[in-house]
Each structure stands twice: as structure tokens, then as C-alpha cells.
Protein backbone atom coordinates (compact mmCIF):
# COMPACT_ATOMS: atom_id res chain seq x y z
CA MET A 1 -72.13 167.67 64.45
CA SER A 2 -70.49 170.92 63.56
CA ILE A 3 -69.21 172.64 67.13
CA LYS A 4 -71.62 175.71 65.85
CA ASN A 5 -74.45 173.60 65.62
CA ILE A 6 -73.76 172.17 69.27
CA ARG A 7 -73.33 175.82 70.51
CA LEU A 8 -76.81 176.77 69.02
CA GLU A 9 -78.03 173.67 70.81
CA VAL A 10 -76.73 174.13 74.11
CA MET A 11 -78.59 177.42 73.92
CA GLN A 12 -82.04 176.27 72.68
CA PHE A 13 -81.70 174.40 75.71
CA LEU A 14 -80.80 177.57 77.72
CA GLU A 15 -83.71 179.10 76.67
CA THR A 16 -86.00 177.35 78.70
CA LYS A 17 -84.63 178.88 81.55
CA VAL A 18 -83.76 181.87 80.75
CA ASP A 19 -87.30 183.44 82.41
CA GLY A 20 -85.97 181.94 85.67
CA PHE A 21 -82.73 184.03 84.78
CA VAL A 22 -84.72 187.03 84.39
CA ASN A 23 -86.53 187.29 87.32
CA GLU A 24 -83.50 186.44 89.77
CA TYR A 25 -81.03 188.45 88.36
CA LEU A 26 -82.53 191.82 86.89
CA ILE A 27 -85.42 193.99 88.59
CA PRO A 28 -88.63 195.32 87.54
CA ILE A 29 -88.50 198.82 86.09
CA GLU A 30 -91.06 200.26 88.64
CA GLN A 31 -89.01 198.74 91.57
CA ILE A 32 -85.41 200.06 90.32
CA TRP A 33 -83.39 203.18 91.28
CA GLN A 34 -83.51 205.89 88.34
CA PRO A 35 -81.33 208.43 87.76
CA SER A 36 -83.86 211.24 89.13
CA ASP A 37 -83.51 209.22 92.30
CA PHE A 38 -79.89 210.44 93.52
CA LEU A 39 -79.59 214.34 91.37
CA PRO A 40 -80.75 217.50 91.82
CA ASN A 41 -84.69 217.65 91.62
CA SER A 42 -85.35 220.02 88.56
CA GLU A 43 -88.68 220.12 89.58
CA GLY A 44 -87.90 221.62 93.02
CA ASP A 45 -87.83 225.03 94.42
CA ASN A 46 -83.78 224.51 95.47
CA PHE A 47 -82.61 223.08 92.31
CA PHE A 48 -79.48 225.81 91.75
CA GLU A 49 -79.02 225.63 95.60
CA GLU A 50 -78.39 221.81 95.14
CA VAL A 51 -76.85 222.29 91.75
CA LYS A 52 -74.44 224.81 93.94
CA GLU A 53 -73.95 222.40 96.82
CA LEU A 54 -72.89 219.43 94.56
CA ARG A 55 -70.24 222.21 92.65
CA GLU A 56 -68.91 222.60 95.94
CA ILE A 57 -68.22 219.41 96.74
CA ALA A 58 -66.93 218.62 93.32
CA LYS A 59 -64.41 220.64 93.54
CA GLU A 60 -62.29 218.86 96.39
CA LEU A 61 -61.93 215.61 93.46
CA PRO A 62 -58.45 214.94 92.57
CA TYR A 63 -57.54 215.15 88.87
CA ASP A 64 -56.28 211.34 88.53
CA PHE A 65 -59.88 210.54 90.07
CA TRP A 66 -61.70 212.69 87.61
CA VAL A 67 -60.17 211.14 84.57
CA VAL A 68 -60.81 207.80 86.29
CA LEU A 69 -64.83 209.26 86.70
CA VAL A 70 -65.09 210.29 83.31
CA GLY A 71 -63.58 207.21 81.74
CA ASP A 72 -65.83 205.00 83.60
CA THR A 73 -69.07 206.71 81.90
CA ILE A 74 -67.70 206.94 78.48
CA THR A 75 -67.17 203.39 79.08
CA GLU A 76 -70.88 203.06 80.17
CA GLU A 77 -72.30 205.57 77.72
CA ALA A 78 -70.96 203.20 74.87
CA LEU A 79 -73.47 201.03 75.61
CA PRO A 80 -74.97 201.05 72.12
CA THR A 81 -71.72 198.96 71.11
CA TYR A 82 -72.85 196.63 73.96
CA GLU A 83 -76.08 195.53 73.04
CA SER A 84 -75.63 195.31 69.19
CA TRP A 85 -73.01 192.74 69.67
CA LEU A 86 -74.54 190.53 72.26
CA MET A 87 -78.09 190.72 69.95
CA ASP A 88 -75.61 189.11 67.40
CA VAL A 89 -73.85 186.13 69.40
CA GLU A 90 -75.32 182.72 67.96
CA GLY A 91 -78.35 181.53 69.63
CA ILE A 92 -79.85 185.30 70.57
CA ASP A 93 -82.97 185.92 67.88
CA ASN A 94 -83.54 189.47 68.22
CA VAL A 95 -85.96 189.14 65.35
CA GLU A 96 -87.99 186.73 66.35
CA ARG A 97 -87.61 187.97 70.02
CA ASN A 98 -86.23 185.02 71.77
CA GLY A 99 -85.70 184.12 75.14
CA TRP A 100 -82.31 185.34 75.25
CA SER A 101 -82.76 188.44 73.31
CA ASN A 102 -85.42 189.51 76.31
CA TRP A 103 -82.72 189.33 78.22
CA VAL A 104 -80.34 191.73 76.64
CA ARG A 105 -83.56 194.11 76.27
CA GLN A 106 -83.71 194.08 79.83
CA TRP A 107 -79.82 193.60 80.66
CA THR A 108 -79.65 196.81 78.45
CA GLY A 109 -82.31 199.15 80.27
CA GLU A 110 -80.57 198.26 83.41
CA GLU A 111 -77.11 199.47 82.42
CA ASN A 112 -77.94 202.50 80.33
CA ARG A 113 -79.22 204.52 83.77
CA HIS A 114 -75.21 204.44 84.55
CA GLY A 115 -74.47 206.07 81.68
CA ASP A 116 -77.46 208.19 82.21
CA LEU A 117 -76.91 209.36 85.82
CA LEU A 118 -72.50 209.90 85.37
CA ASN A 119 -73.38 211.93 82.23
CA LYS A 120 -75.73 214.39 84.07
CA TYR A 121 -73.46 214.49 87.09
CA LEU A 122 -70.57 215.42 85.22
CA TYR A 123 -72.81 218.28 83.42
CA MET A 124 -73.71 219.81 86.58
CA SER A 125 -70.33 219.44 88.52
CA GLY A 126 -68.69 221.99 86.32
CA ARG A 127 -65.63 220.09 86.37
CA VAL A 128 -65.04 218.75 82.99
CA ASN A 129 -64.87 220.08 79.26
CA MET A 130 -68.32 218.30 78.33
CA ARG A 131 -68.05 218.79 74.16
CA GLU A 132 -64.69 217.05 74.63
CA VAL A 133 -66.38 213.94 76.41
CA GLU A 134 -68.94 213.62 74.63
CA GLN A 135 -66.94 213.45 70.94
CA THR A 136 -64.79 210.97 72.87
CA THR A 137 -68.63 208.88 73.51
CA GLN A 138 -69.34 209.35 70.16
CA HIS A 139 -65.34 207.87 68.60
CA LEU A 140 -66.49 205.17 71.05
CA ILE A 141 -69.64 204.20 69.61
CA THR A 142 -68.36 204.62 66.17
CA ASP A 143 -65.10 202.76 66.16
CA GLY A 144 -66.78 199.78 67.61
CA PHE A 145 -64.67 197.39 69.50
CA ASP A 146 -63.02 193.72 68.42
CA ILE A 147 -63.01 191.69 71.86
CA GLY A 148 -62.07 188.29 70.06
CA THR A 149 -65.36 186.69 70.67
CA GLY A 150 -66.84 186.53 67.38
CA ARG A 151 -70.50 185.09 68.25
CA ASP A 152 -69.06 182.43 69.95
CA PRO A 153 -72.35 182.82 73.22
CA TYR A 154 -69.08 180.69 75.27
CA LYS A 155 -66.37 182.83 74.72
CA ASN A 156 -68.89 186.10 75.11
CA PHE A 157 -69.96 184.43 78.65
CA VAL A 158 -66.51 184.39 79.32
CA TYR A 159 -66.05 188.26 78.57
CA THR A 160 -69.18 189.24 80.19
CA SER A 161 -68.41 186.98 83.56
CA PHE A 162 -65.27 188.68 83.40
CA GLN A 163 -66.38 191.94 82.60
CA GLU A 164 -69.29 192.52 84.82
CA LEU A 165 -66.84 191.89 88.03
CA ALA A 166 -64.11 194.05 87.00
CA THR A 167 -66.71 197.27 86.17
CA TYR A 168 -67.80 196.38 89.72
CA ILE A 169 -64.27 196.67 91.47
CA SER A 170 -63.90 200.42 89.14
CA HIS A 171 -67.78 201.79 90.52
CA ASN A 172 -67.08 200.43 93.79
CA ARG A 173 -63.48 202.06 94.27
CA VAL A 174 -64.84 205.25 92.56
CA ALA A 175 -67.59 205.18 95.48
CA GLN A 176 -65.26 204.36 98.00
CA LEU A 177 -63.19 207.52 96.84
CA ALA A 178 -65.12 209.89 96.42
CA ARG A 179 -66.75 208.90 100.39
CA SER A 180 -63.14 209.65 101.42
CA TYR A 181 -63.33 212.93 99.71
CA GLY A 182 -66.57 214.02 101.13
CA ASP A 183 -69.04 213.65 98.45
CA LYS A 184 -70.86 211.03 99.55
CA LYS A 185 -73.85 211.60 97.18
CA LEU A 186 -71.57 210.66 94.37
CA SER A 187 -70.50 208.06 96.35
CA LYS A 188 -73.80 206.53 96.99
CA MET A 189 -74.22 206.92 93.34
CA CYS A 190 -71.79 204.89 92.26
CA LYS A 191 -72.28 202.08 95.04
CA MET A 192 -75.97 201.57 93.32
CA ILE A 193 -74.41 201.60 89.84
CA ALA A 194 -71.79 198.80 91.17
CA GLY A 195 -74.39 196.91 92.85
CA ASP A 196 -76.44 196.66 89.32
CA GLU A 197 -72.75 195.27 87.90
CA MET A 198 -72.14 192.41 91.05
CA ARG A 199 -75.94 191.30 89.68
CA HIS A 200 -75.13 191.22 86.15
CA HIS A 201 -72.03 189.56 86.72
CA HIS A 202 -73.73 186.73 89.27
CA ALA A 203 -76.09 186.18 86.10
CA TYR A 204 -73.08 185.82 83.15
CA SER A 205 -71.08 183.51 85.70
CA GLU A 206 -74.58 181.13 85.66
CA PHE A 207 -74.61 181.18 82.31
CA VAL A 208 -70.90 179.69 82.28
CA ASN A 209 -72.01 177.65 84.79
CA GLN A 210 -75.09 175.98 83.09
CA ILE A 211 -72.69 175.73 80.12
CA PHE A 212 -70.45 173.80 81.75
CA ALA A 213 -72.74 171.53 83.03
CA VAL A 214 -74.05 170.21 79.64
CA ASP A 215 -70.85 170.81 76.86
CA PRO A 216 -67.45 170.92 79.75
CA SER A 217 -64.89 170.25 76.76
CA GLU A 218 -65.87 173.08 74.77
CA MET A 219 -66.58 175.52 77.19
CA MET A 220 -63.13 174.80 79.04
CA LEU A 221 -61.89 175.95 75.76
CA ALA A 222 -63.67 178.73 75.21
CA PHE A 223 -62.20 179.69 79.13
CA GLN A 224 -59.09 179.07 77.58
CA HIS A 225 -58.78 180.94 74.62
CA MET A 226 -60.43 184.05 76.16
CA MET A 227 -57.69 183.91 78.71
CA LYS A 228 -54.79 183.28 76.58
CA ASN A 229 -55.64 186.22 74.20
CA LYS A 230 -56.51 188.46 77.34
CA ILE A 231 -60.03 190.13 77.90
CA ILE A 232 -60.02 193.11 76.44
CA MET A 233 -61.86 196.84 77.90
CA PRO A 234 -65.02 197.86 76.24
CA ALA A 235 -63.28 201.08 76.20
CA GLY A 236 -59.76 199.66 74.29
CA PHE A 237 -60.42 202.28 71.37
CA LEU A 238 -60.84 205.31 73.81
CA ARG A 239 -59.52 208.37 71.95
CA GLU A 240 -59.87 212.15 72.15
CA SER A 241 -61.33 214.84 69.45
CA GLY A 242 -58.69 215.22 66.69
CA ASN A 243 -56.80 211.94 67.86
CA LYS A 244 -56.72 208.61 66.36
CA ILE A 245 -57.04 205.24 68.13
CA SER A 246 -53.84 205.52 70.13
CA SER A 247 -52.90 204.89 73.67
CA ALA A 248 -55.31 207.11 75.57
CA PHE A 249 -56.76 203.73 77.04
CA GLU A 250 -53.51 203.31 77.99
CA GLN A 251 -53.27 206.61 79.86
CA PHE A 252 -56.92 206.29 81.37
CA SER A 253 -56.03 202.73 82.98
CA ASP A 254 -52.48 204.42 84.14
CA SER A 255 -54.75 206.75 86.49
CA ALA A 256 -56.61 204.34 87.48
CA GLN A 257 -54.12 202.07 88.53
CA ARG A 258 -52.22 204.79 90.43
CA ILE A 259 -55.45 205.62 92.18
CA GLY A 260 -55.95 201.96 93.07
CA VAL A 261 -59.40 201.90 91.27
CA TYR A 262 -58.89 198.85 89.02
CA THR A 263 -55.24 197.00 88.91
CA ALA A 264 -53.43 194.65 87.11
CA THR A 265 -54.15 192.62 90.51
CA ASP A 266 -57.76 193.20 90.31
CA TYR A 267 -57.28 190.94 86.93
CA VAL A 268 -55.30 188.63 88.50
CA GLU A 269 -57.90 188.13 91.50
CA ILE A 270 -60.57 187.81 89.26
CA LEU A 271 -59.10 185.30 86.64
CA GLN A 272 -58.73 182.79 90.13
CA LYS A 273 -62.54 183.65 91.28
CA LEU A 274 -64.22 182.43 87.85
CA VAL A 275 -61.50 179.30 88.05
CA THR A 276 -62.71 179.01 91.77
CA MET A 277 -66.47 179.63 91.26
CA TRP A 278 -66.75 177.31 88.01
CA GLU A 279 -64.65 174.38 90.32
CA ILE A 280 -62.19 173.86 87.22
CA ASP A 281 -59.97 172.12 89.38
CA LYS A 282 -63.12 169.15 89.69
CA MET A 283 -64.57 169.07 86.04
CA ALA A 284 -64.69 165.86 85.10
CA ASN A 285 -65.48 164.19 81.68
CA LEU A 286 -62.93 166.31 79.63
CA THR A 287 -61.59 165.60 76.06
CA ASP A 288 -57.71 165.76 76.03
CA GLU A 289 -57.38 168.82 74.16
CA ALA A 290 -59.73 170.18 77.23
CA GLU A 291 -57.89 168.79 80.12
CA LYS A 292 -54.36 170.95 78.96
CA ALA A 293 -56.79 173.83 78.58
CA ARG A 294 -57.75 173.01 82.22
CA ASP A 295 -54.23 172.18 82.94
CA TYR A 296 -53.08 175.90 81.64
CA LEU A 297 -55.92 177.86 83.44
CA MET A 298 -55.37 176.42 86.82
CA LYS A 299 -51.58 177.79 86.44
CA LEU A 300 -52.64 180.77 85.05
CA PRO A 301 -53.13 183.15 87.96
CA ALA A 302 -50.09 182.70 89.62
CA ARG A 303 -47.93 183.17 86.12
CA MET A 304 -49.98 186.48 85.77
CA ALA A 305 -49.32 187.52 89.53
CA ARG A 306 -45.62 187.11 89.11
CA ILE A 307 -45.76 189.74 85.91
CA SER A 308 -48.23 191.72 87.33
CA GLU A 309 -45.53 192.72 90.25
CA ARG A 310 -43.01 193.70 87.53
CA LEU A 311 -45.03 196.19 86.29
CA VAL A 312 -44.27 200.12 86.66
CA ILE A 313 -47.17 202.53 86.45
CA PRO A 314 -45.87 206.45 85.29
CA GLN A 315 -46.82 208.53 88.35
CA GLU A 316 -47.02 211.66 85.68
CA SER A 317 -50.14 212.03 85.06
CA ASN A 318 -51.46 212.62 81.49
CA ILE A 319 -53.38 215.98 80.02
CA PHE A 320 -56.80 214.67 78.86
CA LYS A 321 -58.83 217.29 77.29
CA TRP A 322 -61.81 215.89 79.28
CA VAL A 323 -59.97 217.32 82.59
CA GLU A 324 -58.39 220.92 82.55
CA PRO A 325 -55.93 220.91 85.60
CA ALA A 326 -56.87 224.98 85.28
CA ARG A 327 -60.46 223.80 85.91
CA LEU A 328 -60.34 221.66 89.53
């Protein structure tokens, strides 16, 4: 049997458990928070006063913080790309509406609230050029992304396990910074988003754990492949209006590193957490090739930690069209 057919067989086997995953890791629509729970009430008599208060507090937030918040928002709003990518993974059948496609749709519904909430906050803050933000978002969706997974569910679930945790870290740190700057409402918004991301991280990590139980060697090789080629962030093709795909993502990442929202050290720690969570060191019944992959993965965090220590982050902030310093 080919590797592709084995993967499909494993996905079909795990599909019998998907309803349980939905119940454990996702929250019913009537019970989960919605963006309007945290924003000024447009139906209320005090709406304009609440917006004015939001804008006054927003004035205290520094430049790099705005760059990171805008970049996080754009990343969340490129959700159509992520849904179409997951729907194309081997074993996820949207035509027949199988259990896996049901998971993707419900996951998408939860994720959709994140960009919706952050976009409305940015709009009301009056501190960013919304037209530039909107153009960047449209560019990111139009350009798509290539994360090196193809239609392979094993590689895709490694990616989502890693990326959901990275997104949790980013939103959680933004929440901490917002609170330190006195914006408790924005802090709560980002904290709630971070909570969703952590639940989703646990879900995708469990998918990988389940695959390791039935196809350990191929799952190990998929994990090695993703880490050897590095995890590409979903906003890797980030660009502003009038520009080609270039270094905008690197500049956005520099801002995130300068204020400690997401750093090279975080990347290494996420990798180590996955290695520990999936008990890579205890994995048995591996092929010779998978054993070598396991050895590579066990040594990789320490090697990457040494490399991250040598990184030099520019101290000068790049000027983005999204956030004009004169507005701050």
C-alpha cells in the first residue's frame, strides 16, 4: 500500500473520533464569546462616549506595539486561505461533508471571531490607516501561502500544532503589554483570543498524538520534515500596498522581537514542548529511517537555541504605511 493510501486510511480511522474532538476542544456557538461582548455597544446611548474612551487609552500605546497588533490582525483576517488549505488536506472531504470537514468548518467559525474583533478595535482606535491595513489583508489572501505541507495530513497537523501555540504566545504577550500600558479592555480581548488558540493547539496536538499511536514511523518522518524545513508563519507573504512580496514580514517580526511578543527563543521552546508532549524520546517500533529522524529532532532544540543566541535584531523601527508615527 502506498504512503498516500496509508495516510488516507489513518485519517478515515481517526474520523470515527472527530465528533469527540469537536465536543472536547470546540465550544458551542451559543456559549462562546462574540466580538460585541468586548466592544462599545453601538445600540447603547453611551456608544460615542465609550468609543472616545477607547481612543483616549489607545493614544498611550507605542509604535512597535501597533505594528504587532496590526500584523496579528491581518494574520487572523487571512482566514479564508487557512480554511481552503485545510479543506484540501488528504482525508478531509468537504463534498461528502465528513467528520473532518465538519471539524474544519467549526474551527473556522471560532477563528473568524478573532480578526472580526481586532479589526473593529483598530477601526475605532483611530490610530491606524485602515485602508492600508485592508489592502495588506487583501494582498495576503490573494497571494496565499506555501507552508511546505502539500496535502499531507501528518505534515499539516504538525504545522497547526506548532502555529496555534505560536499564535497563543503572540496574543497572550500582546494582552500582557496592553494591560501594562493601561488598556485593560484590549488586554481582555487579546486574552480571550489567546485562550481559543491554546484550545486549538491542544486539539491539533492530540491529532498528531493519535497518528503516532497507529503510524509512528511515518509521523516521525513528517515531524522531521516540517522542522528541517522550518515552520513558515502564515503571514510570510505579508506586503503593503504598491509593493511586491518582500521583507515586510521580517520587519513585522523585528517589531515583535523588540517588544518580546514573539521571539526566536519562543520558536525553540515550542519545538521543545512538542518533542516533550509527543514523547519523542520514548517512541518505539520505528524504522531505521524514523530512528534517525527521532535523533535529529531530539538534538534540534539545543542546536537552534545556540543559533538564536547569535541573532541580532535591528533597533530601528521600520515605518509601515499601516501605522504613521504622526498619528501616535
